[in-house]
PDB file of N, CA and C in Angstrom:
ATOM      1  N   UNK A   1     -10.278  -2.490 -19.038  1.00  0.00           N
ATOM      2  CA  UNK A   1     -10.870  -2.181 -17.881  1.00  0.00           C
ATOM      3  C   UNK A   1     -10.045  -2.245 -16.458  1.00  0.00           C
ATOM      4  N   UNK A   2     -10.027  -1.346 -16.045  1.00  0.00           N
ATOM      5  CA  UNK A   2      -9.471  -0.463 -14.262  1.00  0.00           C
ATOM      6  C   UNK A   2     -10.783  -1.416 -13.189  1.00  0.00           C
ATOM      7  N   UNK A   3      -9.938  -1.607 -12.016  1.00  0.00           N
ATOM      8  CA  UNK A   3     -10.303  -1.678 -10.864  1.00  0.00           C
ATOM      9  C   UNK A   3      -9.734  -1.322 -10.185  1.00  0.00           C
ATOM     10  N   UNK A   4      -9.886  -0.430  -8.661  1.00  0.00           N
ATOM     11  CA  UNK A   4      -8.968  -0.154  -7.619  1.00  0.00           C
ATOM     12  C   UNK A   4      -9.655  -0.148  -6.458  1.00  0.00           C
ATOM     13  N   UNK A   5      -8.484  -0.421  -5.544  1.00  0.00           N
ATOM     14  CA  UNK A   5      -8.825  -0.151  -4.266  1.00  0.00           C
ATOM     15  C   UNK A   5      -7.845   0.848  -3.376  1.00  0.00           C
ATOM     16  N   UNK A   6      -8.335   1.016  -2.407  1.00  0.00           N
ATOM     17  CA  UNK A   6      -7.689   2.414  -1.131  1.00  0.00           C
ATOM     18  C   UNK A   6      -7.762   1.918  -0.273  1.00  0.00           C
ATOM     19  N   UNK A   7      -6.779   1.919   0.470  1.00  0.00           N
ATOM     20  CA  UNK A   7      -6.508   1.905   2.007  1.00  0.00           C
ATOM     21  C   UNK A   7      -6.030   3.096   2.522  1.00  0.00           C
ATOM     22  N   UNK A   8      -6.964   3.527   3.564  1.00  0.00           N
ATOM     23  CA  UNK A   8      -6.395   5.018   4.182  1.00  0.00           C
ATOM     24  C   UNK A   8      -6.042   4.887   5.611  1.00  0.00           C
ATOM     25  N   UNK A   9      -5.141   5.853   5.848  1.00  0.00           N
ATOM     26  CA  UNK A   9      -4.707   5.958   7.203  1.00  0.00           C
ATOM     27  C   UNK A   9      -4.296   4.893   8.022  1.00  0.00           C
ATOM     28  N   UNK A  10      -3.457   4.055   6.960  1.00  0.00           N
ATOM     29  CA  UNK A  10      -2.472   2.864   7.284  1.00  0.00           C
ATOM     30  C   UNK A  10      -1.670   3.361   8.628  1.00  0.00           C
ATOM     31  N   UNK A  11      -1.033   2.870   9.476  1.00  0.00           N
ATOM     32  CA  UNK A  11      -0.321   3.258  10.462  1.00  0.00           C
ATOM     33  C   UNK A  11       1.382   2.650  10.369  1.00  0.00           C
ATOM     34  N   UNK A  12       1.811   3.088   9.397  1.00  0.00           N
ATOM     35  CA  UNK A  12       3.061   2.895   8.584  1.00  0.00           C
ATOM     36  C   UNK A  12       3.529   4.149   7.861  1.00  0.00           C
ATOM     37  N   UNK A  13       4.699   4.715   7.811  1.00  0.00           N
ATOM     38  CA  UNK A  13       5.525   5.561   7.273  1.00  0.00           C
ATOM     39  C   UNK A  13       5.427   5.504   5.909  1.00  0.00           C
ATOM     40  N   UNK A  14       5.177   6.636   5.001  1.00  0.00           N
ATOM     41  CA  UNK A  14       4.904   6.626   3.736  1.00  0.00           C
ATOM     42  C   UNK A  14       6.480   5.963   2.843  1.00  0.00           C
ATOM     43  N   UNK A  15       7.367   6.274   3.468  1.00  0.00           N
ATOM     44  CA  UNK A  15       8.738   6.148   3.000  1.00  0.00           C
ATOM     45  C   UNK A  15       8.989   4.478   3.452  1.00  0.00           C
ATOM     46  N   UNK A  16       8.444   3.699   3.856  1.00  0.00           N
ATOM     47  CA  UNK A  16       8.565   2.576   4.507  1.00  0.00           C
ATOM     48  C   UNK A  16       7.575   1.634   3.432  1.00  0.00           C
ATOM     49  N   UNK A  17       6.578   2.008   3.486  1.00  0.00           N
ATOM     50  CA  UNK A  17       5.474   2.029   2.742  1.00  0.00           C
ATOM     51  C   UNK A  17       6.132   1.710   0.906  1.00  0.00           C
ATOM     52  N   UNK A  18       6.679   2.983   0.515  1.00  0.00           N
ATOM     53  CA  UNK A  18       6.890   2.936  -0.763  1.00  0.00           C
ATOM     54  C   UNK A  18       8.122   1.974  -1.193  1.00  0.00           C
ATOM     55  N   UNK A  19       8.957   1.948  -0.409  1.00  0.00           N
ATOM     56  CA  UNK A  19      10.083   0.716  -0.721  1.00  0.00           C
ATOM     57  C   UNK A  19       9.335  -0.549  -1.230  1.00  0.00           C
ATOM     58  N   UNK A  20       8.207  -0.934  -0.311  1.00  0.00           N
ATOM     59  CA  UNK A  20       7.474  -2.152  -0.873  1.00  0.00           C
ATOM     60  C   UNK A  20       6.575  -1.952  -2.548  1.00  0.00           C
ATOM     61  N   UNK A  21       6.373  -0.970  -2.418  1.00  0.00           N
ATOM     62  CA  UNK A  21       4.989  -0.644  -3.602  1.00  0.00           C
ATOM     63  C   UNK A  21       5.661  -0.249  -4.625  1.00  0.00           C
ATOM     64  N   UNK A  22       7.096   0.202  -4.566  1.00  0.00           N
ATOM     65  CA  UNK A  22       7.771   0.253  -5.858  1.00  0.00           C
ATOM     66  C   UNK A  22       8.114  -1.211  -6.509  1.00  0.00           C
ATOM     67  N   UNK A  23       8.465  -2.122  -5.651  1.00  0.00           N
ATOM     68  CA  UNK A  23       8.610  -3.437  -6.586  1.00  0.00           C
ATOM     69  C   UNK A  23       7.515  -4.198  -7.367  1.00  0.00           C
ATOM     70  N   UNK A  24       6.173  -3.862  -6.925  1.00  0.00           N
ATOM     71  CA  UNK A  24       5.181  -4.403  -7.859  1.00  0.00           C
ATOM     72  C   UNK A  24       4.343  -3.405  -8.517  1.00  0.00           C
ATOM     73  N   UNK A  25       5.312  -2.550  -8.881  1.00  0.00           N
ATOM     74  CA  UNK A  25       4.699  -1.513 -10.007  1.00  0.00           C
ATOM     75  C   UNK A  25       4.417  -2.263 -11.087  1.00  0.00           C
ATOM     76  N   UNK A  26       3.642  -2.323 -12.314  1.00  0.00           N
ATOM     77  CA  UNK A  26       3.913  -2.927 -13.675  1.00  0.00           C
ATOM     78  C   UNK A  26       4.440  -4.064 -13.376  1.00  0.00           C
ATOM     79  N   UNK A  27       4.292  -4.973 -12.684  1.00  0.00           N
ATOM     80  CA  UNK A  27       4.064  -6.488 -12.552  1.00  0.00           C
ATOM     81  C   UNK A  27       2.625  -7.097 -12.867  1.00  0.00           C
ATOM     82  N   UNK A  28       2.724  -8.487 -13.630  1.00  0.00           N
ATOM     83  CA  UNK A  28       1.256  -9.180 -13.175  1.00  0.00           C
ATOM     84  C   UNK A  28       0.745  -9.388 -12.016  1.00  0.00           C
ATOM     85  N   UNK A  29      -0.286  -9.365 -11.811  1.00  0.00           N
ATOM     86  CA  UNK A  29      -0.592  -9.929 -10.343  1.00  0.00           C
ATOM     87  C   UNK A  29      -0.329 -10.830  -9.522  1.00  0.00           C
ATOM     88  N   UNK A  30      -0.091 -12.321 -10.264  1.00  0.00           N
ATOM     89  CA  UNK A  30       0.302 -13.430  -9.434  1.00  0.00           C
ATOM     90  C   UNK A  30       1.811 -13.193  -9.184  1.00  0.00           C
ATOM     91  N   UNK A  31       2.513 -12.280 -10.076  1.00  0.00           N
ATOM     92  CA  UNK A  31       4.311 -12.275  -9.605  1.00  0.00           C
ATOM     93  C   UNK A  31       3.992 -11.083  -8.415  1.00  0.00           C
ATOM     94  N   UNK A  32       3.107 -10.251  -8.465  1.00  0.00           N
ATOM     95  CA  UNK A  32       2.997  -9.211  -7.299  1.00  0.00           C
ATOM     96  C   UNK A  32       2.726 -10.106  -5.981  1.00  0.00           C
ATOM     97  N   UNK A  33       2.178 -10.607  -5.983  1.00  0.00           N
ATOM     98  CA  UNK A  33       1.563 -11.579  -4.688  1.00  0.00           C
ATOM     99  C   UNK A  33       2.696 -12.665  -4.334  1.00  0.00           C
ATOM    100  N   UNK A  34       3.346 -13.192  -5.323  1.00  0.00           N
ATOM    101  CA  UNK A  34       4.498 -14.244  -4.873  1.00  0.00           C
ATOM    102  C   UNK A  34       5.608 -12.967  -4.346  1.00  0.00           C
ATOM    103  N   UNK A  35       5.793 -11.742  -4.551  1.00  0.00           N
ATOM    104  CA  UNK A  35       6.918 -10.917  -4.529  1.00  0.00           C
ATOM    105  C   UNK A  35       6.551 -10.225  -2.872  1.00  0.00           C
ATOM    106  N   UNK A  36       4.828  -9.962  -2.615  1.00  0.00           N
ATOM    107  CA  UNK A  36       4.655  -9.702  -1.581  1.00  0.00           C
ATOM    108  C   UNK A  36       4.468 -10.705  -0.094  1.00  0.00           C
ATOM    109  N   UNK A  37       4.320 -11.983  -0.620  1.00  0.00           N
ATOM    110  CA  UNK A  37       4.344 -12.913   0.183  1.00  0.00           C
ATOM    111  C   UNK A  37       5.668 -13.360   0.571  1.00  0.00           C
ATOM    112  N   UNK A  38       6.931 -13.098   0.113  1.00  0.00           N
ATOM    113  CA  UNK A  38       8.242 -13.390  -0.005  1.00  0.00           C
ATOM    114  C   UNK A  38       8.910 -12.287   1.038  1.00  0.00           C
ATOM    115  N   UNK A  39       8.123 -11.331   1.095  1.00  0.00           N
ATOM    116  CA  UNK A  39       8.692 -10.232   1.647  1.00  0.00           C
ATOM    117  C   UNK A  39       8.510 -10.216   2.989  1.00  0.00           C
ATOM    118  N   UNK A  40       9.235 -10.023   4.343  1.00  0.00           N
ATOM    119  CA  UNK A  40       8.520  -9.854   5.394  1.00  0.00           C
ATOM    120  C   UNK A  40       8.684  -9.228   6.731  1.00  0.00           C
ATOM    121  N   UNK A  41       7.752  -7.917   6.134  1.00  0.00           N
ATOM    122  CA  UNK A  41       7.765  -6.992   6.919  1.00  0.00           C
ATOM    123  C   UNK A  41       6.216  -6.575   6.630  1.00  0.00           C
ATOM    124  N   UNK A  42       5.900  -5.142   7.806  1.00  0.00           N
ATOM    125  CA  UNK A  42       4.550  -4.693   8.048  1.00  0.00           C
ATOM    126  C   UNK A  42       4.034  -4.208   6.435  1.00  0.00           C
ATOM    127  N   UNK A  43       4.987  -3.589   5.892  1.00  0.00           N
ATOM    128  CA  UNK A  43       4.426  -2.818   4.426  1.00  0.00           C
ATOM    129  C   UNK A  43       3.616  -3.859   3.698  1.00  0.00           C
ATOM    130  N   UNK A  44       4.428  -5.102   3.455  1.00  0.00           N
ATOM    131  CA  UNK A  44       4.317  -5.920   2.625  1.00  0.00           C
ATOM    132  C   UNK A  44       2.693  -6.531   2.868  1.00  0.00           C
ATOM    133  N   UNK A  45       2.490  -6.538   4.224  1.00  0.00           N
ATOM    134  CA  UNK A  45       1.170  -7.709   4.324  1.00  0.00           C
ATOM    135  C   UNK A  45       0.258  -6.352   4.263  1.00  0.00           C
ATOM    136  N   UNK A  46       0.012  -5.166   4.265  1.00  0.00           N
ATOM    137  CA  UNK A  46      -0.777  -4.352   4.260  1.00  0.00           C
ATOM    138  C   UNK A  46      -0.731  -4.064   2.563  1.00  0.00           C
ATOM    139  N   UNK A  47       0.038  -4.047   1.979  1.00  0.00           N
ATOM    140  CA  UNK A  47      -0.045  -3.793   0.579  1.00  0.00           C
ATOM    141  C   UNK A  47      -0.583  -5.104   0.063  1.00  0.00           C
ATOM    142  N   UNK A  48      -0.120  -6.263   0.611  1.00  0.00           N
ATOM    143  CA  UNK A  48      -0.955  -7.615  -0.291  1.00  0.00           C
ATOM    144  C   UNK A  48      -2.433  -7.634   0.263  1.00  0.00           C
ATOM    145  N   UNK A  49      -2.681  -7.159   1.250  1.00  0.00           N
ATOM    146  CA  UNK A  49      -4.411  -6.734   1.527  1.00  0.00           C
ATOM    147  C   UNK A  49      -4.822  -5.644   0.662  1.00  0.00           C
ATOM    148  N   UNK A  50      -4.505  -4.859   0.138  1.00  0.00           N
ATOM    149  CA  UNK A  50      -5.139  -3.711  -1.121  1.00  0.00           C
ATOM    150  C   UNK A  50      -4.832  -4.288  -2.335  1.00  0.00           C
ATOM    151  N   UNK A  51      -3.785  -5.075  -2.528  1.00  0.00           N
ATOM    152  CA  UNK A  51      -3.963  -5.448  -4.016  1.00  0.00           C
ATOM    153  C   UNK A  51      -4.753  -7.009  -3.609  1.00  0.00           C
ATOM    154  N   UNK A  52      -5.185  -7.744  -2.905  1.00  0.00           N
ATOM    155  CA  UNK A  52      -6.026  -8.466  -3.272  1.00  0.00           C
ATOM    156  C   UNK A  52      -7.517  -8.079  -3.243  1.00  0.00           C
ATOM    157  N   UNK A  53      -7.687  -7.256  -2.489  1.00  0.00           N
ATOM    158  CA  UNK A  53      -9.069  -5.933  -2.846  1.00  0.00           C
ATOM    159  C   UNK A  53      -9.255  -5.638  -4.028  1.00  0.00           C
ATOM    160  N   UNK A  54      -8.060  -5.025  -4.803  1.00  0.00           N
ATOM    161  CA  UNK A  54      -8.144  -4.624  -6.142  1.00  0.00           C
ATOM    162  C   UNK A  54      -8.573  -5.490  -7.103  1.00  0.00           C
ATOM    163  N   UNK A  55      -7.931  -6.702  -7.082  1.00  0.00           N
ATOM    164  CA  UNK A  55      -8.106  -7.913  -7.755  1.00  0.00           C
ATOM    165  C   UNK A  55      -9.490  -8.756  -7.543  1.00  0.00           C
ATOM    166  N   UNK A  56      -9.806  -8.810  -6.410  1.00  0.00           N
ATOM    167  CA  UNK A  56     -11.636  -8.915  -5.951  1.00  0.00           C
ATOM    168  C   UNK A  56     -12.207  -7.903  -6.644  1.00  0.00           C
ATOM    169  N   UNK A  57     -12.005  -6.770  -6.308  1.00  0.00           N
ATOM    170  CA  UNK A  57     -12.996  -5.888  -7.385  1.00  0.00           C
ATOM    171  C   UNK A  57     -13.008  -5.879  -8.958  1.00  0.00           C
ATOM    172  N   UNK A  58     -11.954  -6.304  -9.566  1.00  0.00           N
ATOM    173  CA  UNK A  58     -11.742  -6.369 -10.997  1.00  0.00           C
ATOM    174  C   UNK A  58     -12.735  -7.755 -11.230  1.00  0.00           C
ATOM    175  N   UNK A  59     -12.664  -9.106 -10.658  1.00  0.00           N
ATOM    176  CA  UNK A  59     -13.413 -10.097 -11.078  1.00  0.00           C
ATOM    177  C   UNK A  59     -14.680  -9.762 -10.857  1.00  0.00           C
ATOM    178  N   UNK A  60     -14.884  -9.516  -9.480  1.00  0.00           N
ATOM    179  CA  UNK A  60     -16.595  -9.715  -9.105  1.00  0.00           C
ATOM    180  C   UNK A  60     -17.276  -8.601  -9.649  1.00  0.00           C
ATOM    181  N   UNK A  61     -16.682  -7.410  -9.948  1.00  0.00           N
ATOM    182  CA  UNK A  61     -17.335  -5.888 -10.186  1.00  0.00           C
ATOM    183  C   UNK A  61     -17.476  -5.982 -11.946  1.00  0.00           C
ATOM    184  N   UNK A  62     -16.175  -6.049 -12.568  1.00  0.00           N
ATOM    185  CA  UNK A  62     -15.957  -5.870 -13.601  1.00  0.00           C
ATOM    186  C   UNK A  62     -16.006  -7.067 -14.753  1.00  0.00           C
ATOM    187  N   UNK A  63     -15.943  -8.046 -14.340  1.00  0.00           N
ATOM    188  CA  UNK A  63     -15.913  -9.518 -14.863  1.00  0.00           C
ATOM    189  C   UNK A  63     -14.382 -10.010 -15.633  1.00  0.00           C
ATOM    190  N   UNK A  64     -13.541  -9.326 -14.751  1.00  0.00           N
ATOM    191  CA  UNK A  64     -12.391  -9.500 -15.178  1.00  0.00           C
ATOM    192  C   UNK A  64     -11.585 -10.889 -15.616  1.00  0.00           C
ATOM    193  N   UNK A  65     -10.715 -11.132 -16.411  1.00  0.00           N
ATOM    194  CA  UNK A  65     -10.068 -12.772 -15.871  1.00  0.00           C
ATOM    195  C   UNK A  65      -8.810 -12.423 -15.263  1.00  0.00           C
ATOM    196  N   UNK A  66      -8.983 -13.128 -14.064  1.00  0.00           N
ATOM    197  CA  UNK A  66      -7.554 -12.931 -13.287  1.00  0.00           C
ATOM    198  C   UNK A  66      -6.340 -13.419 -13.860  1.00  0.00           C
ATOM    199  N   UNK A  67      -6.059 -14.181 -14.543  1.00  0.00           N
ATOM    200  CA  UNK A  67      -4.864 -14.563 -15.178  1.00  0.00           C
ATOM    201  C   UNK A  67      -4.310 -13.232 -16.269  1.00  0.00           C
ATOM    202  N   UNK A  68      -5.200 -12.378 -16.547  1.00  0.00           N
ATOM    203  CA  UNK A  68      -4.674 -11.161 -17.468  1.00  0.00           C
ATOM    204  C   UNK A  68      -4.520  -9.886 -16.534  1.00  0.00           C
ATOM    205  N   UNK A  69      -4.936  -9.844 -15.590  1.00  0.00           N
ATOM    206  CA  UNK A  69      -4.470  -8.661 -14.652  1.00  0.00           C
ATOM    207  C   UNK A  69      -3.298  -8.259 -14.521  1.00  0.00           C
ATOM    208  N   UNK A  70      -2.744  -6.828 -14.044  1.00  0.00           N
ATOM    209  CA  UNK A  70      -1.279  -6.588 -14.175  1.00  0.00           C
ATOM    210  C   UNK A  70      -1.647  -5.362 -13.112  1.00  0.00           C
ATOM    211  N   UNK A  71      -0.658  -4.942 -12.353  1.00  0.00           N
ATOM    212  CA  UNK A  71      -0.741  -3.680 -11.509  1.00  0.00           C
ATOM    213  C   UNK A  71      -0.200  -2.628 -12.565  1.00  0.00           C
ATOM    214  N   UNK A  72      -1.455  -1.834 -13.252  1.00  0.00           N
ATOM    215  CA  UNK A  72      -1.249  -0.476 -13.711  1.00  0.00           C
ATOM    216  C   UNK A  72      -0.647   0.676 -12.540  1.00  0.00           C
ATOM    217  N   UNK A  73      -1.306   0.754 -11.657  1.00  0.00           N
ATOM    218  CA  UNK A  73      -0.810   1.904 -10.885  1.00  0.00           C
ATOM    219  C   UNK A  73      -0.611   1.666  -9.386  1.00  0.00           C
ATOM    220  N   UNK A  74       0.444   2.138  -8.792  1.00  0.00           N
ATOM    221  CA  UNK A  74       0.520   1.539  -7.384  1.00  0.00           C
ATOM    222  C   UNK A  74       1.402   2.807  -6.998  1.00  0.00           C
ATOM    223  N   UNK A  75       0.686   3.979  -5.727  1.00  0.00           N
ATOM    224  CA  UNK A  75       1.414   4.572  -5.303  1.00  0.00           C
ATOM    225  C   UNK A  75       1.123   4.936  -3.759  1.00  0.00           C
ATOM    226  N   UNK A  76       1.688   5.419  -2.873  1.00  0.00           N
ATOM    227  CA  UNK A  76       1.405   5.905  -1.684  1.00  0.00           C
ATOM    228  C   UNK A  76       1.456   6.917  -1.073  1.00  0.00           C
ATOM    229  N   UNK A  77       0.523   7.716  -0.626  1.00  0.00           N
ATOM    230  CA  UNK A  77       0.578   8.875  -0.509  1.00  0.00           C
ATOM    231  C   UNK A  77       0.629   9.187   0.836  1.00  0.00           C
ATOM    232  N   UNK A  78       1.015  10.135   1.420  1.00  0.00           N
ATOM    233  CA  UNK A  78       1.058  10.717   3.078  1.00  0.00           C
ATOM    234  C   UNK A  78      -0.187  11.140   3.686  1.00  0.00           C
ATOM    235  N   UNK A  79      -0.689  10.275   4.300  1.00  0.00           N
ATOM    236  CA  UNK A  79      -2.112  10.673   5.374  1.00  0.00           C
ATOM    237  C   UNK A  79      -1.603  11.715   6.434  1.00  0.00           C
ATOM    238  N   UNK A  80      -2.625  11.510   7.499  1.00  0.00           N
ATOM    239  CA  UNK A  80      -2.601  12.541   8.649  1.00  0.00           C
ATOM    240  C   UNK A  80      -1.207  12.081   9.525  1.00  0.00           C
ATOM    241  N   UNK A  81      -0.807  12.976  10.276  1.00  0.00           N
ATOM    242  CA  UNK A  81       0.212  12.637  10.901  1.00  0.00           C
ATOM    243  C   UNK A  81      -0.173  12.962  12.574  1.00  0.00           C
ATOM    244  N   UNK A  82       0.138  11.914  13.541  1.00  0.00           N
ATOM    245  CA  UNK A  82      -0.227  11.990  14.638  1.00  0.00           C
ATOM    246  C   UNK A  82       0.817  12.384  15.397  1.00  0.00           C
ATOM    247  N   UNK A  83       0.668  13.771  15.935  1.00  0.00           N
ATOM    248  CA  UNK A  83       1.839  14.544  16.429  1.00  0.00           C
ATOM    249  C   UNK A  83       1.630  14.207  17.870  1.00  0.00           C
ATOM    250  N   UNK A  84       2.918  13.909  18.604  1.00  0.00           N
ATOM    251  CA  UNK A  84       3.236  13.323  20.096  1.00  0.00           C
ATOM    252  C   UNK A  84       4.289  14.240  20.250  1.00  0.00           C
ATOM    253  N   UNK A  85       4.069  14.514  21.666  1.00  0.00           N
ATOM    254  CA  UNK A  85       5.204  15.268  22.545  1.00  0.00           C
ATOM    255  C   UNK A  85       5.497  14.551  23.834  1.00  0.00           C
ATOM    256  N   UNK A  86       6.885  14.504  23.676  1.00  0.00           N
ATOM    257  CA  UNK A  86       7.421  13.949  25.231  1.00  0.00           C
ATOM    258  C   UNK A  86       8.470  14.914  25.954  1.00  0.00           C
ATOM    259  N   UNK A  87       8.655  14.752  27.049  1.00  0.00           N
ATOM    260  CA  UNK A  87       9.759  15.931  27.684  1.00  0.00           C
ATOM    261  C   UNK A  87      11.306  14.778  27.388  1.00  0.00           C
ATOM    262  N   UNK A  88      12.069  16.481  26.989  1.00  0.00           N
ATOM    263  CA  UNK A  88      13.320  16.187  26.781  1.00  0.00           C
ATOM    264  C   UNK A  88      14.153  16.644  27.781  1.00  0.00           C
ATOM    265  N   UNK A  89      15.754  16.782  27.537  1.00  0.00           N
ATOM    266  CA  UNK A  89      16.333  16.955  28.528  1.00  0.00           C
ATOM    267  C   UNK A  89      16.242  18.591  28.641  1.00  0.00           C
ATOM    268  N   UNK A  90      16.636  19.477  29.498  1.00  0.00           N
ATOM    269  CA  UNK A  90      16.911  20.592  29.906  1.00  0.00           C
ATOM    270  C   UNK A  90      15.425  21.179  29.598  1.00  0.00           C
ATOM    271  N   UNK A  91      14.321  20.726  29.765  1.00  0.00           N
ATOM    272  CA  UNK A  91      12.975  21.349  29.925  1.00  0.00           C
ATOM    273  C   UNK A  91      12.615  21.431  28.534  1.00  0.00           C
ATOM    274  N   UNK A  92      12.988  20.824  27.916  1.00  0.00           N
ATOM    275  CA  UNK A  92      12.544  20.952  26.003  1.00  0.00           C
ATOM    276  C   UNK A  92      11.411  19.859  25.793  1.00  0.00           C
ATOM    277  N   UNK A  93      10.686  20.342  24.718  1.00  0.00           N
ATOM    278  CA  UNK A  93       9.478  19.395  24.176  1.00  0.00           C
ATOM    279  C   UNK A  93      10.218  18.453  23.388  1.00  0.00           C
ATOM    280  N   UNK A  94      10.527  17.202  22.791  1.00  0.00           N
ATOM    281  CA  UNK A  94      10.696  16.467  21.915  1.00  0.00           C
ATOM    282  C   UNK A  94       9.137  16.074  21.514  1.00  0.00           C
ATOM    283  N   UNK A  95      10.000  16.093  19.828  1.00  0.00           N
ATOM    284  CA  UNK A  95       8.430  15.399  18.931  1.00  0.00           C
ATOM    285  C   UNK A  95       8.744  14.193  18.428  1.00  0.00           C
ATOM    286  N   UNK A  96       7.113  13.397  18.193  1.00  0.00           N
ATOM    287  CA  UNK A  96       7.224  12.213  18.233  1.00  0.00           C
ATOM    288  C   UNK A  96       5.973  11.968  16.864  1.00  0.00           C
ATOM    289  N   UNK A  97       6.341  12.135  15.921  1.00  0.00           N
ATOM    290  CA  UNK A  97       5.395  12.217  14.896  1.00  0.00           C
ATOM    291  C   UNK A  97       5.108  10.895  14.420  1.00  0.00           C
ATOM    292  N   UNK A  98       4.129  10.689  14.732  1.00  0.00           N
ATOM    293  CA  UNK A  98       3.386   8.858  13.929  1.00  0.00           C
ATOM    294  C   UNK A  98       2.984   9.179  12.750  1.00  0.00           C
ATOM    295  N   UNK A  99       3.280   8.816  11.632  1.00  0.00           N
ATOM    296  CA  UNK A  99       3.209   9.058  10.263  1.00  0.00           C
ATOM    297  C   UNK A  99       1.965   7.953   9.562  1.00  0.00           C
ATOM    298  N   UNK A 100       1.137   8.369   9.065  1.00  0.00           N
ATOM    299  CA  UNK A 100       0.281   7.403   8.395  1.00  0.00           C
ATOM    300  C   UNK A 100       0.416   7.165   6.783  1.00  0.00           C
ATOM    301  N   UNK A 101      -0.333   6.181   6.108  1.00  0.00           N
ATOM    302  CA  UNK A 101      -0.300   6.340   4.950  1.00  0.00           C
ATOM    303  C   UNK A 101      -1.153   6.239   4.026  1.00  0.00           C
ATOM    304  N   UNK A 102      -1.744   6.307   2.939  1.00  0.00           N
ATOM    305  CA  UNK A 102      -2.908   6.117   1.898  1.00  0.00           C
ATOM    306  C   UNK A 102      -2.272   5.026   1.180  1.00  0.00           C
ATOM    307  N   UNK A 103      -2.400   3.820   0.760  1.00  0.00           N
ATOM    308  CA  UNK A 103      -2.074   3.139  -0.090  1.00  0.00           C
ATOM    309  C   UNK A 103      -3.218   2.764  -1.526  1.00  0.00           C
ATOM    310  N   UNK A 104      -2.919   3.383  -2.803  1.00  0.00           N
ATOM    311  CA  UNK A 104      -3.793   3.034  -3.559  1.00  0.00           C
ATOM    312  C   UNK A 104      -3.120   2.263  -4.573  1.00  0.00           C
ATOM    313  N   UNK A 105      -4.053   1.158  -5.128  1.00  0.00           N
ATOM    314  CA  UNK A 105      -3.227   0.046  -6.307  1.00  0.00           C
ATOM    315  C   UNK A 105      -4.802   0.163  -7.238  1.00  0.00           C
ATOM    316  N   UNK A 106      -4.075   0.217  -8.342  1.00  0.00           N
ATOM    317  CA  UNK A 106      -5.119   0.272  -9.742  1.00  0.00           C
ATOM    318  C   UNK A 106      -4.644  -1.106 -10.483  1.00  0.00           C
ATOM    319  N   UNK A 107      -5.236  -1.961 -10.460  1.00  0.00           N
ATOM    320  CA  UNK A 107      -5.279  -3.296 -11.434  1.00  0.00           C
ATOM    321  C   UNK A 107      -6.234  -3.027 -12.990  1.00  0.00           C
ATOM    322  N   UNK A 108      -5.559  -3.527 -13.616  1.00  0.00           N
ATOM    323  CA  UNK A 108      -6.229  -3.267 -15.058  1.00  0.00           C
ATOM    324  C   UNK A 108      -5.577  -4.467 -16.265  1.00  0.00           C
ATOM    325  N   UNK A 109      -6.463  -4.973 -17.214  1.00  0.00           N
ATOM    326  CA  UNK A 109      -6.505  -6.193 -18.109  1.00  0.00           C
ATOM    327  C   UNK A 109      -5.402  -5.368 -19.086  1.00  0.00           C
ATOM    328  N   UNK A 110      -4.359  -6.579 -19.688  1.00  0.00           N
ATOM    329  CA  UNK A 110      -3.481  -6.399 -20.511  1.00  0.00           C
ATOM    330  C   UNK A 110      -4.016  -6.346 -21.692  1.00  0.00           C
TER     331      UNK A 110
END
C-alpha cells in the first residue's frame, strides 16, 4: 500500500532541493528522518515536513505499520518562477528569477 504527500510552490530552487531528496530515496522512513534531522539547511526542513505528512497519511488513512514503511519515490519538480527585474549598469535590465519547487514523496510498505 502506498501513501503520498505533495508540497507545492515551495520557495527554494529545485537544484538545491534535489540534493537533499536524492539522499533519502529508497531508505526506510526512520533512516530518512535521521538523515534529514542531521542536515542543517532549508531543503531538509521542507523535505522533512513532506515526509512526516506522507508517513501520517500512510498510518492514518491506509492503516500501515510505521516500522515497515520506506521511501518508494521522492522527487522534486520545478514550480513557477517569480521573475524580478532590477536596474543594471548602462541602462540595462538585470534578471533575478526566484525559482520554486514541488516536492513529492511516496511511502510504501515493504
